[in-house]
PDB file of N, CA and C in Angstrom:
ATOM      1  N   MET A   1     -22.135 -12.111 -67.349  1.00  0.00           N
ATOM      2  CA  MET A   1     -21.436 -10.888 -67.653  1.00  0.00           C
ATOM      3  C   MET A   1     -20.518 -10.535 -66.484  1.00  0.00           C
ATOM      4  N   MET A   2     -19.305 -10.139 -66.792  1.00  0.00           N
ATOM      5  CA  MET A   2     -18.347  -9.799 -65.749  1.00  0.00           C
ATOM      6  C   MET A   2     -18.514  -8.359 -65.304  1.00  0.00           C
ATOM      7  N   ASN A   3     -18.309  -8.142 -64.033  1.00  0.00           N
ATOM      8  CA  ASN A   3     -18.283  -6.794 -63.501  1.00  0.00           C
ATOM      9  C   ASN A   3     -16.811  -6.442 -63.287  1.00  0.00           C
ATOM     10  N   LEU A   4     -16.303  -5.507 -64.048  1.00  0.00           N
ATOM     11  CA  LEU A   4     -14.885  -5.171 -63.978  1.00  0.00           C
ATOM     12  C   LEU A   4     -14.487  -4.591 -62.629  1.00  0.00           C
ATOM     13  N   GLU A   5     -15.448  -4.069 -61.882  1.00  0.00           N
ATOM     14  CA  GLU A   5     -15.131  -3.505 -60.570  1.00  0.00           C
ATOM     15  C   GLU A   5     -14.713  -4.590 -59.584  1.00  0.00           C
ATOM     16  N   GLU A   6     -15.061  -5.850 -59.879  1.00  0.00           N
ATOM     17  CA  GLU A   6     -14.670  -6.959 -59.011  1.00  0.00           C
ATOM     18  C   GLU A   6     -13.168  -7.226 -59.092  1.00  0.00           C
ATOM     19  N   PHE A   7     -12.539  -6.754 -60.166  1.00  0.00           N
ATOM     20  CA  PHE A   7     -11.130  -7.024 -60.380  1.00  0.00           C
ATOM     21  C   PHE A   7     -10.329  -5.740 -60.194  1.00  0.00           C
ATOM     22  N   PRO A   8      -9.545  -5.650 -59.126  1.00  0.00           N
ATOM     23  CA  PRO A   8      -8.742  -4.436 -58.940  1.00  0.00           C
ATOM     24  C   PRO A   8      -7.673  -4.339 -60.033  1.00  0.00           C
ATOM     25  N   PRO A   9      -7.288  -3.113 -60.422  1.00  0.00           N
ATOM     26  CA  PRO A   9      -6.270  -2.975 -61.464  1.00  0.00           C
ATOM     27  C   PRO A   9      -4.939  -3.582 -61.021  1.00  0.00           C
ATOM     28  N   THR A  10      -4.237  -4.200 -61.966  1.00  0.00           N
ATOM     29  CA  THR A  10      -2.940  -4.799 -61.704  1.00  0.00           C
ATOM     30  C   THR A  10      -1.865  -3.879 -62.242  1.00  0.00           C
ATOM     31  N   PRO A  11      -0.822  -3.604 -61.442  1.00  0.00           N
ATOM     32  CA  PRO A  11       0.276  -2.782 -61.978  1.00  0.00           C
ATOM     33  C   PRO A  11       0.841  -3.418 -63.243  1.00  0.00           C
ATOM     34  N   PHE A  12       1.195  -2.583 -64.203  1.00  0.00           N
ATOM     35  CA  PHE A  12       1.664  -3.059 -65.508  1.00  0.00           C
ATOM     36  C   PHE A  12       2.819  -4.047 -65.387  1.00  0.00           C
ATOM     37  N   GLU A  13       3.732  -3.784 -64.458  1.00  0.00           N
ATOM     38  CA  GLU A  13       4.909  -4.658 -64.312  1.00  0.00           C
ATOM     39  C   GLU A  13       4.519  -6.078 -63.912  1.00  0.00           C
ATOM     40  N   GLU A  14       3.369  -6.225 -63.261  1.00  0.00           N
ATOM     41  CA  GLU A  14       2.950  -7.541 -62.783  1.00  0.00           C
ATOM     42  C   GLU A  14       2.118  -8.319 -63.801  1.00  0.00           C
ATOM     43  N   LEU A  15       1.766  -7.696 -64.915  1.00  0.00           N
ATOM     44  CA  LEU A  15       0.955  -8.379 -65.914  1.00  0.00           C
ATOM     45  C   LEU A  15       1.760  -9.471 -66.591  1.00  0.00           C
ATOM     46  N   ASP A  16       1.148 -10.581 -66.792  1.00  0.00           N
ATOM     47  CA  ASP A  16       1.783 -11.706 -67.474  1.00  0.00           C
ATOM     48  C   ASP A  16       0.892 -12.092 -68.644  1.00  0.00           C
ATOM     49  N   GLU A  17       1.437 -12.062 -69.863  1.00  0.00           N
ATOM     50  CA  GLU A  17       0.613 -12.357 -71.038  1.00  0.00           C
ATOM     51  C   GLU A  17       0.025 -13.755 -70.993  1.00  0.00           C
ATOM     52  N   ASP A  18       0.636 -14.665 -70.230  1.00  0.00           N
ATOM     53  CA  ASP A  18       0.098 -16.017 -70.119  1.00  0.00           C
ATOM     54  C   ASP A  18      -1.181 -16.051 -69.283  1.00  0.00           C
ATOM     55  N   ASP A  19      -1.446 -14.994 -68.517  1.00  0.00           N
ATOM     56  CA  ASP A  19      -2.658 -14.930 -67.710  1.00  0.00           C
ATOM     57  C   ASP A  19      -3.875 -14.499 -68.519  1.00  0.00           C
ATOM     58  N   ALA A  20      -3.651 -13.978 -69.702  1.00  0.00           N
ATOM     59  CA  ALA A  20      -4.766 -13.507 -70.524  1.00  0.00           C
ATOM     60  C   ALA A  20      -5.568 -14.702 -71.022  1.00  0.00           C
ATOM     61  N   PRO A  21      -6.907 -14.590 -70.984  1.00  0.00           N
ATOM     62  CA  PRO A  21      -7.710 -15.717 -71.480  1.00  0.00           C
ATOM     63  C   PRO A  21      -7.584 -15.828 -72.993  1.00  0.00           C
ATOM     64  N   GLU A  22      -7.699 -17.057 -73.477  1.00  0.00           N
ATOM     65  CA  GLU A  22      -7.676 -17.271 -74.924  1.00  0.00           C
ATOM     66  C   GLU A  22      -8.989 -16.776 -75.504  1.00  0.00           C
ATOM     67  N   LEU A  23      -8.891 -16.049 -76.615  1.00  0.00           N
ATOM     68  CA  LEU A  23     -10.105 -15.524 -77.246  1.00  0.00           C
ATOM     69  C   LEU A  23     -10.879 -16.650 -77.900  1.00  0.00           C
ATOM     70  N   THR A  24     -12.167 -16.665 -77.663  1.00  0.00           N
ATOM     71  CA  THR A  24     -13.035 -17.669 -78.285  1.00  0.00           C
ATOM     72  C   THR A  24     -13.741 -17.035 -79.480  1.00  0.00           C
ATOM     73  N   ASP A  25     -14.314 -17.868 -80.340  1.00  0.00           N
ATOM     74  CA  ASP A  25     -15.086 -17.363 -81.479  1.00  0.00           C
ATOM     75  C   ASP A  25     -16.248 -16.506 -80.992  1.00  0.00           C
ATOM     76  N   GLU A  26     -16.860 -16.916 -79.875  1.00  0.00           N
ATOM     77  CA  GLU A  26     -17.981 -16.158 -79.318  1.00  0.00           C
ATOM     78  C   GLU A  26     -17.521 -14.759 -78.898  1.00  0.00           C
ATOM     79  N   MET A  27     -16.352 -14.662 -78.272  1.00  0.00           N
ATOM     80  CA  MET A  27     -15.826 -13.348 -77.859  1.00  0.00           C
ATOM     81  C   MET A  27     -15.580 -12.464 -79.084  1.00  0.00           C
ATOM     82  N   ILE A  28     -15.026 -13.059 -80.114  1.00  0.00           N
ATOM     83  CA  ILE A  28     -14.737 -12.291 -81.330  1.00  0.00           C
ATOM     84  C   ILE A  28     -16.028 -11.849 -81.991  1.00  0.00           C
ATOM     85  N   ASP A  29     -17.060 -12.727 -81.991  1.00  0.00           N
ATOM     86  CA  ASP A  29     -18.356 -12.365 -82.577  1.00  0.00           C
ATOM     87  C   ASP A  29     -19.021 -11.209 -81.829  1.00  0.00           C
ATOM     88  N   ARG A  30     -18.790 -11.131 -80.513  1.00  0.00           N
ATOM     89  CA  ARG A  30     -19.399 -10.061 -79.706  1.00  0.00           C
ATOM     90  C   ARG A  30     -18.541  -8.785 -79.682  1.00  0.00           C
ATOM     91  N   ALA A  31     -17.366  -8.844 -80.235  1.00  0.00           N
ATOM     92  CA  ALA A  31     -16.442  -7.708 -80.167  1.00  0.00           C
ATOM     93  C   ALA A  31     -16.950  -6.514 -80.966  1.00  0.00           C
ATOM     94  N   VAL A  32     -16.589  -5.344 -80.514  1.00  0.00           N
ATOM     95  CA  VAL A  32     -16.864  -4.109 -81.252  1.00  0.00           C
ATOM     96  C   VAL A  32     -15.552  -3.759 -81.955  1.00  0.00           C
ATOM     97  N   TRP A  33     -15.570  -3.767 -83.274  1.00  0.00           N
ATOM     98  CA  TRP A  33     -14.367  -3.496 -84.062  1.00  0.00           C
ATOM     99  C   TRP A  33     -14.199  -1.989 -84.213  1.00  0.00           C
ATOM    100  N   MET A  34     -12.984  -1.522 -83.961  1.00  0.00           N
ATOM    101  CA  MET A  34     -12.718  -0.091 -84.035  1.00  0.00           C
ATOM    102  C   MET A  34     -11.396   0.160 -84.743  1.00  0.00           C
ATOM    103  N   ARG A  35     -11.359   1.267 -85.457  1.00  0.00           N
ATOM    104  CA  ARG A  35     -10.105   1.763 -86.030  1.00  0.00           C
ATOM    105  C   ARG A  35      -9.950   3.157 -85.442  1.00  0.00           C
ATOM    106  N   GLY A  36      -8.949   3.285 -84.536  1.00  0.00           N
ATOM    107  CA  GLY A  36      -8.830   4.530 -83.789  1.00  0.00           C
ATOM    108  C   GLY A  36     -10.032   4.644 -82.877  1.00  0.00           C
ATOM    109  N   ASP A  37     -10.772   5.748 -82.968  1.00  0.00           N
ATOM    110  CA  ASP A  37     -11.973   5.892 -82.145  1.00  0.00           C
ATOM    111  C   ASP A  37     -13.252   5.707 -82.954  1.00  0.00           C
ATOM    112  N   GLN A  38     -13.118   5.178 -84.181  1.00  0.00           N
ATOM    113  CA  GLN A  38     -14.270   4.991 -85.068  1.00  0.00           C
ATOM    114  C   GLN A  38     -14.688   3.519 -85.084  1.00  0.00           C
ATOM    115  N   VAL A  39     -15.976   3.266 -84.858  1.00  0.00           N
ATOM    116  CA  VAL A  39     -16.508   1.903 -84.918  1.00  0.00           C
ATOM    117  C   VAL A  39     -16.609   1.505 -86.389  1.00  0.00           C
ATOM    118  N   ILE A  40     -16.114   0.296 -86.697  1.00  0.00           N
ATOM    119  CA  ILE A  40     -16.163  -0.210 -88.073  1.00  0.00           C
ATOM    120  C   ILE A  40     -16.814  -1.589 -88.066  1.00  0.00           C
ATOM    121  N   SER A  41     -17.165  -2.086 -89.251  1.00  0.00           N
ATOM    122  CA  SER A  41     -17.799  -3.404 -89.337  1.00  0.00           C
ATOM    123  C   SER A  41     -16.765  -4.494 -89.072  1.00  0.00           C
ATOM    124  N   ARG A  42     -17.282  -5.675 -88.744  1.00  0.00           N
ATOM    125  CA  ARG A  42     -16.404  -6.829 -88.500  1.00  0.00           C
ATOM    126  C   ARG A  42     -15.564  -7.118 -89.741  1.00  0.00           C
ATOM    127  N   GLU A  43     -16.198  -7.029 -90.925  1.00  0.00           N
ATOM    128  CA  GLU A  43     -15.497  -7.307 -92.172  1.00  0.00           C
ATOM    129  C   GLU A  43     -14.347  -6.318 -92.385  1.00  0.00           C
ATOM    130  N   GLU A  44     -14.615  -5.018 -92.123  1.00  0.00           N
ATOM    131  CA  GLU A  44     -13.558  -4.013 -92.254  1.00  0.00           C
ATOM    132  C   GLU A  44     -12.428  -4.291 -91.266  1.00  0.00           C
ATOM    133  N   GLY A  45     -12.800  -4.693 -90.060  1.00  0.00           N
ATOM    134  CA  GLY A  45     -11.797  -5.015 -89.040  1.00  0.00           C
ATOM    135  C   GLY A  45     -10.932  -6.191 -89.445  1.00  0.00           C
ATOM    136  N   LEU A  46     -11.566  -7.237 -89.953  1.00  0.00           N
ATOM    137  CA  LEU A  46     -10.809  -8.416 -90.389  1.00  0.00           C
ATOM    138  C   LEU A  46      -9.903  -8.082 -91.566  1.00  0.00           C
ATOM    139  N   ARG A  47     -10.400  -7.240 -92.492  1.00  0.00           N
ATOM    140  CA  ARG A  47      -9.577  -6.810 -93.630  1.00  0.00           C
ATOM    141  C   ARG A  47      -8.359  -6.021 -93.156  1.00  0.00           C
ATOM    142  N   ALA A  48      -8.586  -5.082 -92.235  1.00  0.00           N
ATOM    143  CA  ALA A  48      -7.486  -4.264 -91.709  1.00  0.00           C
ATOM    144  C   ALA A  48      -6.488  -5.142 -90.968  1.00  0.00           C
ATOM    145  N   PHE A  49      -6.997  -6.111 -90.210  1.00  0.00           N
ATOM    146  CA  PHE A  49      -6.124  -7.027 -89.480  1.00  0.00           C
ATOM    147  C   PHE A  49      -5.273  -7.847 -90.443  1.00  0.00           C
ATOM    148  N   ALA A  50      -5.881  -8.352 -91.514  1.00  0.00           N
ATOM    149  CA  ALA A  50      -5.154  -9.140 -92.510  1.00  0.00           C
ATOM    150  C   ALA A  50      -4.082  -8.299 -93.194  1.00  0.00           C
ATOM    151  N   GLU A  51      -4.390  -7.025 -93.460  1.00  0.00           N
ATOM    152  CA  GLU A  51      -3.404  -6.135 -94.076  1.00  0.00           C
ATOM    153  C   GLU A  51      -2.180  -5.979 -93.195  1.00  0.00           C
ATOM    154  N   LYS A  52      -2.395  -5.839 -91.888  1.00  0.00           N
ATOM    155  CA  LYS A  52      -1.286  -5.666 -90.947  1.00  0.00           C
ATOM    156  C   LYS A  52      -0.427  -6.919 -90.856  1.00  0.00           C
ATOM    157  N   LEU A  53      -1.032  -8.074 -91.123  1.00  0.00           N
ATOM    158  CA  LEU A  53      -0.283  -9.328 -91.043  1.00  0.00           C
ATOM    159  C   LEU A  53       0.561  -9.605 -92.280  1.00  0.00           C
ATOM    160  N   ARG A  54       0.281  -8.879 -93.373  1.00  0.00           N
ATOM    161  CA  ARG A  54       1.060  -9.086 -94.593  1.00  0.00           C
ATOM    162  C   ARG A  54       2.516  -8.765 -94.337  1.00  0.00           C
ATOM    163  N   ARG A  55       3.361  -9.578 -94.873  1.00  0.00           N
ATOM    164  CA  ARG A  55       4.790  -9.364 -94.676  1.00  0.00           C
ATOM    165  C   ARG A  55       5.412  -8.762 -95.919  1.00  0.00           C
ATOM    166  N   GLY A  56       6.585  -8.201 -95.733  1.00  0.00           N
ATOM    167  CA  GLY A  56       7.327  -7.663 -96.858  1.00  0.00           C
ATOM    168  C   GLY A  56       6.954  -6.238 -97.182  1.00  0.00           C
ATOM    169  N   ARG A  57       7.550  -5.750 -98.213  1.00  0.00           N
ATOM    170  CA  ARG A  57       7.314  -4.376 -98.645  1.00  0.00           C
ATOM    171  C   ARG A  57       5.996  -4.261 -99.395  1.00  0.00           C
ATOM    172  N   PRO A  58       5.427  -3.070 -99.348  1.00  0.00           N
ATOM    173  CA  PRO A  58       4.239  -2.865-100.188  1.00  0.00           C
ATOM    174  C   PRO A  58       4.633  -2.920-101.657  1.00  0.00           C
ATOM    175  N   LYS A  59       3.680  -3.242-102.516  1.00  0.00           N
ATOM    176  CA  LYS A  59       3.958  -3.315-103.949  1.00  0.00           C
ATOM    177  C   LYS A  59       4.431  -1.959-104.458  1.00  0.00           C
ATOM    178  N   ALA A  60       5.497  -1.988-105.240  1.00  0.00           N
ATOM    179  CA  ALA A  60       6.043  -0.763-105.816  1.00  0.00           C
ATOM    180  C   ALA A  60       5.267  -0.391-107.070  1.00  0.00           C
ATOM    181  N   GLU A  61       5.342   0.880-107.430  1.00  0.00           N
ATOM    182  CA  GLU A  61       4.714   1.330-108.663  1.00  0.00           C
ATOM    183  C   GLU A  61       5.292   0.574-109.851  1.00  0.00           C
ATOM    184  N   ARG A  62       6.608   0.520-109.865  1.00  0.00           N
ATOM    185  CA  ARG A  62       7.318  -0.257-110.894  1.00  0.00           C
ATOM    186  C   ARG A  62       7.904  -1.475-110.201  1.00  0.00           C
ATOM    187  N   THR A  63       7.476  -2.640-110.607  1.00  0.00           N
ATOM    188  CA  THR A  63       8.029  -3.841-109.987  1.00  0.00           C
ATOM    189  C   THR A  63       9.351  -4.195-110.651  1.00  0.00           C
ATOM    190  N   LYS A  64      10.206  -4.837-109.890  1.00  0.00           N
ATOM    191  CA  LYS A  64      11.517  -5.252-110.381  1.00  0.00           C
ATOM    192  C   LYS A  64      11.427  -6.688-110.887  1.00  0.00           C
ATOM    193  N   VAL A  65      12.322  -7.031-111.799  1.00  0.00           N
ATOM    194  CA  VAL A  65      12.399  -8.384-112.335  1.00  0.00           C
ATOM    195  C   VAL A  65      13.771  -8.934-111.991  1.00  0.00           C
ATOM    196  N   ALA A  66      13.808 -10.088-111.338  1.00  0.00           N
ATOM    197  CA  ALA A  66      15.085 -10.713-110.997  1.00  0.00           C
ATOM    198  C   ALA A  66      15.648 -11.411-112.226  1.00  0.00           C
ATOM    199  N   MET A  67      16.941 -11.208-112.460  1.00  0.00           N
ATOM    200  CA  MET A  67      17.592 -11.889-113.571  1.00  0.00           C
ATOM    201  C   MET A  67      19.083 -11.983-113.286  1.00  0.00           C
ATOM    202  N   SER A  68      19.747 -12.786-114.061  1.00  0.00           N
ATOM    203  CA  SER A  68      21.187 -12.954-113.900  1.00  0.00           C
ATOM    204  C   SER A  68      21.885 -12.245-115.052  1.00  0.00           C
ATOM    205  N   MET A  69      22.868 -11.408-114.715  1.00  0.00           N
ATOM    206  CA  MET A  69      23.629 -10.675-115.739  1.00  0.00           C
ATOM    207  C   MET A  69      25.103 -10.725-115.386  1.00  0.00           C
ATOM    208  N   ARG A  70      25.924 -10.528-116.386  1.00  0.00           N
ATOM    209  CA  ARG A  70      27.366 -10.490-116.154  1.00  0.00           C
ATOM    210  C   ARG A  70      27.870  -9.077-116.451  1.00  0.00           C
ATOM    211  N   PHE A  71      28.633  -8.515-115.497  1.00  0.00           N
ATOM    212  CA  PHE A  71      29.217  -7.193-115.647  1.00  0.00           C
ATOM    213  C   PHE A  71      30.721  -7.310-115.475  1.00  0.00           C
ATOM    214  N   ASP A  72      31.440  -6.375-116.041  1.00  0.00           N
ATOM    215  CA  ASP A  72      32.878  -6.314-115.794  1.00  0.00           C
ATOM    216  C   ASP A  72      33.096  -6.065-114.306  1.00  0.00           C
ATOM    217  N   ALA A  73      34.145  -6.670-113.780  1.00  0.00           N
ATOM    218  CA  ALA A  73      34.424  -6.588-112.344  1.00  0.00           C
ATOM    219  C   ALA A  73      34.589  -5.146-111.872  1.00  0.00           C
ATOM    220  N   ASP A  74      35.232  -4.294-112.680  1.00  0.00           N
ATOM    221  CA  ASP A  74      35.466  -2.909-112.240  1.00  0.00           C
ATOM    222  C   ASP A  74      34.156  -2.123-112.125  1.00  0.00           C
ATOM    223  N   ILE A  75      33.173  -2.446-112.961  1.00  0.00           N
ATOM    224  CA  ILE A  75      31.879  -1.756-112.888  1.00  0.00           C
ATOM    225  C   ILE A  75      31.178  -2.131-111.584  1.00  0.00           C
ATOM    226  N   LEU A  76      31.142  -3.435-111.270  1.00  0.00           N
ATOM    227  CA  LEU A  76      30.517  -3.871-110.016  1.00  0.00           C
ATOM    228  C   LEU A  76      31.268  -3.308-108.820  1.00  0.00           C
ATOM    229  N   GLU A  77      32.585  -3.330-108.882  1.00  0.00           N
ATOM    230  CA  GLU A  77      33.402  -2.807-107.784  1.00  0.00           C
ATOM    231  C   GLU A  77      33.079  -1.328-107.543  1.00  0.00           C
ATOM    232  N   TYR A  78      32.948  -0.576-108.634  1.00  0.00           N
ATOM    233  CA  TYR A  78      32.637   0.853-108.538  1.00  0.00           C
ATOM    234  C   TYR A  78      31.314   1.077-107.806  1.00  0.00           C
ATOM    235  N   PHE A  79      30.255   0.396-108.253  1.00  0.00           N
ATOM    236  CA  PHE A  79      28.944   0.612-107.651  1.00  0.00           C
ATOM    237  C   PHE A  79      28.874   0.069-106.230  1.00  0.00           C
ATOM    238  N   ARG A  80      29.464  -1.093-105.974  1.00  0.00           N
ATOM    239  CA  ARG A  80      29.455  -1.650-104.615  1.00  0.00           C
ATOM    240  C   ARG A  80      30.191  -0.737-103.639  1.00  0.00           C
ATOM    241  N   ALA A  81      31.235  -0.073-104.107  1.00  0.00           N
ATOM    242  CA  ALA A  81      32.018   0.819-103.246  1.00  0.00           C
ATOM    243  C   ALA A  81      31.211   2.041-102.810  1.00  0.00           C
ATOM    244  N   THR A  82      30.100   2.311-103.480  1.00  0.00           N
ATOM    245  CA  THR A  82      29.275   3.457-103.096  1.00  0.00           C
ATOM    246  C   THR A  82      28.396   3.144-101.893  1.00  0.00           C
ATOM    247  N   GLY A  83      28.413   1.906-101.416  1.00  0.00           N
ATOM    248  CA  GLY A  83      27.698   1.537-100.194  1.00  0.00           C
ATOM    249  C   GLY A  83      26.290   1.015-100.433  1.00  0.00           C
ATOM    250  N   LYS A  84      25.563   0.941 -99.323  1.00  0.00           N
ATOM    251  CA  LYS A  84      24.206   0.404 -99.352  1.00  0.00           C
ATOM    252  C   LYS A  84      23.361   1.159-100.389  1.00  0.00           C
ATOM    253  N   GLY A  85      22.599   0.418-101.162  1.00  0.00           N
ATOM    254  CA  GLY A  85      21.767   1.020-102.207  1.00  0.00           C
ATOM    255  C   GLY A  85      22.460   1.054-103.558  1.00  0.00           C
ATOM    256  N   TRP A  86      23.597   0.363-103.675  1.00  0.00           N
ATOM    257  CA  TRP A  86      24.364   0.409-104.928  1.00  0.00           C
ATOM    258  C   TRP A  86      23.571  -0.143-106.100  1.00  0.00           C
ATOM    259  N   GLN A  87      22.744  -1.144-105.878  1.00  0.00           N
ATOM    260  CA  GLN A  87      21.967  -1.714-106.979  1.00  0.00           C
ATOM    261  C   GLN A  87      20.944  -0.710-107.499  1.00  0.00           C
ATOM    262  N   THR A  88      20.349   0.054-106.594  1.00  0.00           N
ATOM    263  CA  THR A  88      19.398   1.094-107.010  1.00  0.00           C
ATOM    264  C   THR A  88      20.122   2.158-107.818  1.00  0.00           C
ATOM    265  N   ARG A  89      21.324   2.552-107.370  1.00  0.00           N
ATOM    266  CA  ARG A  89      22.091   3.551-108.124  1.00  0.00           C
ATOM    267  C   ARG A  89      22.483   3.018-109.498  1.00  0.00           C
ATOM    268  N   MET A  90      22.797   1.748-109.585  1.00  0.00           N
ATOM    269  CA  MET A  90      23.136   1.145-110.869  1.00  0.00           C
ATOM    270  C   MET A  90      21.900   1.155-111.775  1.00  0.00           C
ATOM    271  N   ASN A  91      20.749   0.852-111.224  1.00  0.00           N
ATOM    272  CA  ASN A  91      19.496   0.892-111.974  1.00  0.00           C
ATOM    273  C   ASN A  91      19.225   2.317-112.462  1.00  0.00           C
ATOM    274  N   ASP A  92      19.439   3.297-111.578  1.00  0.00           N
ATOM    275  CA  ASP A  92      19.224   4.700-111.946  1.00  0.00           C
ATOM    276  C   ASP A  92      20.172   5.131-113.064  1.00  0.00           C
ATOM    277  N   ALA A  93      21.419   4.647-113.019  1.00  0.00           N
ATOM    278  CA  ALA A  93      22.390   4.989-114.065  1.00  0.00           C
ATOM    279  C   ALA A  93      21.943   4.420-115.415  1.00  0.00           C
ATOM    280  N   LEU A  94      21.431   3.216-115.417  1.00  0.00           N
ATOM    281  CA  LEU A  94      20.933   2.620-116.660  1.00  0.00           C
ATOM    282  C   LEU A  94      19.698   3.366-117.168  1.00  0.00           C
ATOM    283  N   ARG A  95      18.842   3.793-116.246  1.00  0.00           N
ATOM    284  CA  ARG A  95      17.657   4.559-116.641  1.00  0.00           C
ATOM    285  C   ARG A  95      18.078   5.893-117.266  1.00  0.00           C
ATOM    286  N   GLU A  96      19.084   6.553-116.699  1.00  0.00           N
ATOM    287  CA  GLU A  96      19.598   7.810-117.246  1.00  0.00           C
ATOM    288  C   GLU A  96      20.145   7.584-118.657  1.00  0.00           C
ATOM    289  N   TRP A  97      20.854   6.466-118.846  1.00  0.00           N
ATOM    290  CA  TRP A  97      21.394   6.137-120.168  1.00  0.00           C
ATOM    291  C   TRP A  97      20.243   5.977-121.165  1.00  0.00           C
ATOM    292  N   MET A  98      19.135   5.339-120.726  1.00  0.00           N
ATOM    293  CA  MET A  98      17.978   5.155-121.607  1.00  0.00           C
ATOM    294  C   MET A  98      17.394   6.504-122.041  1.00  0.00           C
ATOM    295  N   LYS A  99      17.364   7.461-121.125  1.00  0.00           N
ATOM    296  CA  LYS A  99      16.828   8.793-121.460  1.00  0.00           C
ATOM    297  C   LYS A  99      17.699   9.486-122.504  1.00  0.00           C
ATOM    298  N   GLU A 100      19.010   9.295-122.385  1.00  0.00           N
ATOM    299  CA  GLU A 100      19.947   9.944-123.307  1.00  0.00           C
ATOM    300  C   GLU A 100      20.045   9.232-124.647  1.00  0.00           C
ATOM    301  N   HIS A 101      19.600   7.989-124.713  1.00  0.00           N
ATOM    302  CA  HIS A 101      19.686   7.183-125.936  1.00  0.00           C
ATOM    303  C   HIS A 101      18.331   6.571-126.259  1.00  0.00           C
ATOM    304  N   PRO A 102      17.403   7.388-126.743  1.00  0.00           N
ATOM    305  CA  PRO A 102      16.060   6.846-127.033  1.00  0.00           C
ATOM    306  C   PRO A 102      16.121   5.809-128.164  1.00  0.00           C
ATOM    307  N   ARG A 103      15.166   4.889-128.102  1.00  0.00           N
ATOM    308  CA  ARG A 103      15.085   3.864-129.139  1.00  0.00           C
ATOM    309  C   ARG A 103      14.758   4.502-130.486  1.00  0.00           C
ATOM    310  N   LEU A 104      15.252   3.909-131.543  1.00  0.00           N
ATOM    311  CA  LEU A 104      15.009   4.438-132.869  1.00  0.00           C
ATOM    312  C   LEU A 104      13.831   3.773-133.563  1.00  0.00           C
ATOM    313  N   ALA A 105      13.253   2.768-132.962  1.00  0.00           N
ATOM    314  CA  ALA A 105      12.161   2.017-133.604  1.00  0.00           C
ATOM    315  C   ALA A 105      10.849   2.695-133.478  1.00  0.00           C
TER     316      ALA A 105
END
């Protein structure tokens, strides 16, 4: 067991990440998993860690479907000229049209 008092504190500027020891399975098995100041189980810790590693956006309530469509050039030009988010605005415009024109079936 290490006595931390044997090691004087190192100024932050002098710390080198390459000096950190590689974590072993034994170290991880002995670790106390915490979320904030609350102790949690190893399984909860691993789950939380895996969640943080996920890439991309969180799943939306309504998922989008990629497809290829053809529009008149002036329509695309109009929406693109509105700047970033033009595709969302185009989607919103189509949704508004759907509200105004309910299906008859």
